[in-house]
C-alpha atoms as a PDB file:
ATOM      1  CA  MET A   1     -50.620 -44.449 -96.188  1.00  0.00           C
ATOM      2  CA  VAL A   2     -50.278 -45.265 -92.501  1.00  0.00           C
ATOM      3  CA  THR A   3     -47.424 -42.809 -92.043  1.00  0.00           C
ATOM      4  CA  GLN A   4     -49.126 -40.252 -93.889  1.00  0.00           C
ATOM      5  CA  ASP A   5     -52.268 -40.567 -91.338  1.00  0.00           C
ATOM      6  CA  ILE A   6     -49.906 -40.508 -88.443  1.00  0.00           C
ATOM      7  CA  ILE A   7     -48.387 -37.042 -89.799  1.00  0.00           C
ATOM      8  CA  GLN A   8     -51.703 -35.467 -90.438  1.00  0.00           C
ATOM      9  CA  ASN A   9     -52.921 -36.540 -86.847  1.00  0.00           C
ATOM     10  CA  LEU A  10     -49.768 -34.731 -85.699  1.00  0.00           C
ATOM     11  CA  ILE A  11     -50.593 -31.603 -87.607  1.00  0.00           C
ATOM     12  CA  PHE A  12     -53.694 -30.332 -85.813  1.00  0.00           C
ATOM     13  CA  GLN A  13     -53.964 -26.763 -87.064  1.00  0.00           C
ATOM     14  CA  PRO A  14     -54.109 -25.669 -90.891  1.00  0.00           C
ATOM     15  CA  GLY A  15     -50.756 -23.876 -91.979  1.00  0.00           C
ATOM     16  CA  GLN A  16     -48.336 -25.857 -89.974  1.00  0.00           C
ATOM     17  CA  SER A  17     -47.188 -27.742 -92.903  1.00  0.00           C
ATOM     18  CA  GLN A  18     -44.748 -25.965 -95.216  1.00  0.00           C
ATOM     19  CA  ASP A  19     -46.938 -26.148 -98.209  1.00  0.00           C
ATOM     20  CA  LYS A  20     -49.907 -24.525 -96.311  1.00  0.00           C
ATOM     21  CA  ARG A  21     -47.834 -21.468 -95.316  1.00  0.00           C
ATOM     22  CA  MET A  22     -47.955 -18.319 -97.221  1.00  0.00           C
ATOM     23  CA  ALA A  23     -44.744 -17.034 -98.256  1.00  0.00           C
ATOM     24  CA  GLU A  24     -43.373 -13.714 -96.505  1.00  0.00           C
ATOM     25  CA  GLU A  25     -43.130 -11.988 -99.974  1.00  0.00           C
ATOM     26  CA  LEU A  26     -46.627 -12.430-100.497  1.00  0.00           C
ATOM     27  CA  GLY A  27     -47.555 -10.536 -97.326  1.00  0.00           C
ATOM     28  CA  ILE A  28     -49.812  -7.382 -97.270  1.00  0.00           C
ATOM     29  CA  HIS A  29     -46.819  -5.047 -96.208  1.00  0.00           C
ATOM     30  CA  PHE A  30     -43.829  -6.755 -97.565  1.00  0.00           C
ATOM     31  CA  ALA A  31     -43.157  -3.735 -99.969  1.00  0.00           C
ATOM     32  CA  ASN A  32     -45.573  -0.812 -99.424  1.00  0.00           C
ATOM     33  CA  ILE A  33     -46.538   1.006-102.697  1.00  0.00           C
ATOM     34  CA  ASP A  34     -46.218   4.403-100.895  1.00  0.00           C
ATOM     35  CA  GLU A  35     -44.091   4.462 -97.778  1.00  0.00           C
ATOM     36  CA  ARG A  36     -44.792   8.103 -96.709  1.00  0.00           C
ATOM     37  CA  THR A  37     -46.389   9.072 -93.525  1.00  0.00           C
ATOM     38  CA  ASP A  38     -49.674  10.882 -93.368  1.00  0.00           C
ATOM     39  CA  GLU A  39     -47.936  13.959 -92.322  1.00  0.00           C
ATOM     40  CA  GLU A  40     -45.642  13.943 -95.508  1.00  0.00           C
ATOM     41  CA  LEU A  41     -48.714  13.186 -97.762  1.00  0.00           C
ATOM     42  CA  LEU A  42     -50.631  16.295 -96.212  1.00  0.00           C
ATOM     43  CA  LEU A  43     -47.458  18.371 -96.871  1.00  0.00           C
ATOM     44  CA  LEU A  44     -47.292  17.257-100.571  1.00  0.00           C
ATOM     45  CA  THR A  45     -51.106  17.880-101.023  1.00  0.00           C
ATOM     46  CA  ARG A  46     -50.473  21.548 -99.634  1.00  0.00           C
ATOM     47  CA  LYS A  47     -47.712  22.187-101.868  1.00  0.00           C
ATOM     48  CA  PHE A  48     -49.321  20.666-105.046  1.00  0.00           C
ATOM     49  CA  ALA A  49     -52.497  22.779-104.363  1.00  0.00           C
ATOM     50  CA  GLU A  50     -50.459  25.914-104.939  1.00  0.00           C
ATOM     51  CA  PHE A  51     -49.977  24.860-108.580  1.00  0.00           C
ATOM     52  CA  VAL A  52     -53.788  24.037-109.156  1.00  0.00           C
ATOM     53  CA  LYS A  53     -55.639  27.080-110.321  1.00  0.00           C
ATOM     54  CA  PHE A  54     -58.977  28.066-108.693  1.00  0.00           C
ATOM     55  CA  TYR A  55     -61.870  29.598-110.898  1.00  0.00           C
ATOM     56  CA  SER A  56     -64.831  30.878-109.133  1.00  0.00           C
ATOM     57  CA  ASN A  57     -67.547  32.275-111.402  1.00  0.00           C
ATOM     58  CA  ASP A  58     -65.397  33.563-114.278  1.00  0.00           C
ATOM     59  CA  ASP A  59     -64.059  30.670-116.518  1.00  0.00           C
ATOM     60  CA  VAL A  60     -61.338  32.906-117.797  1.00  0.00           C
ATOM     61  CA  THR A  61     -59.594  34.600-114.829  1.00  0.00           C
ATOM     62  CA  SER A  62     -58.067  32.467-112.103  1.00  0.00           C
ATOM     63  CA  ALA A  63     -59.199  33.464-108.493  1.00  0.00           C
ATOM     64  CA  GLY A  64     -56.015  31.865-107.080  1.00  0.00           C
ATOM     65  CA  ASP A  65     -54.937  28.479-106.105  1.00  0.00           C
ATOM     66  CA  TRP A  66     -56.437  25.744-103.987  1.00  0.00           C
ATOM     67  CA  SER A  67     -54.087  26.361-101.245  1.00  0.00           C
ATOM     68  CA  ARG A  68     -56.127  28.704 -99.391  1.00  0.00           C
ATOM     69  CA  PHE A  69     -58.914  25.926 -98.995  1.00  0.00           C
ATOM     70  CA  LEU A  70     -56.502  23.686 -97.372  1.00  0.00           C
ATOM     71  CA  GLY A  71     -55.282  26.134 -94.599  1.00  0.00           C
ATOM     72  CA  ASP A  72     -51.781  25.678 -93.123  1.00  0.00           C
ATOM     73  CA  ILE A  73     -51.830  21.739 -92.924  1.00  0.00           C
ATOM     74  CA  GLY A  74     -48.194  21.717 -93.397  1.00  0.00           C
ATOM     75  CA  ASN A  75     -47.438  22.514 -89.829  1.00  0.00           C
ATOM     76  CA  PHE A  76     -49.102  20.296 -87.382  1.00  0.00           C
END
């Protein structure tokens, strides 16, 4: 008991003992789900918009794709 009290007094901040530390693998950015940059995601959005059809007032005839709404975001 005395030894445990001495050790607890030496540890003056939480997280210094090994059982209080969080494992590196549990960190927020240990393994990102999507590691693409913002520029790469914008370029992907621009290319994907070419495949999504846009319909104005007529539900039957396509008025083009969504790329014209995004402009030229692929070239910064």
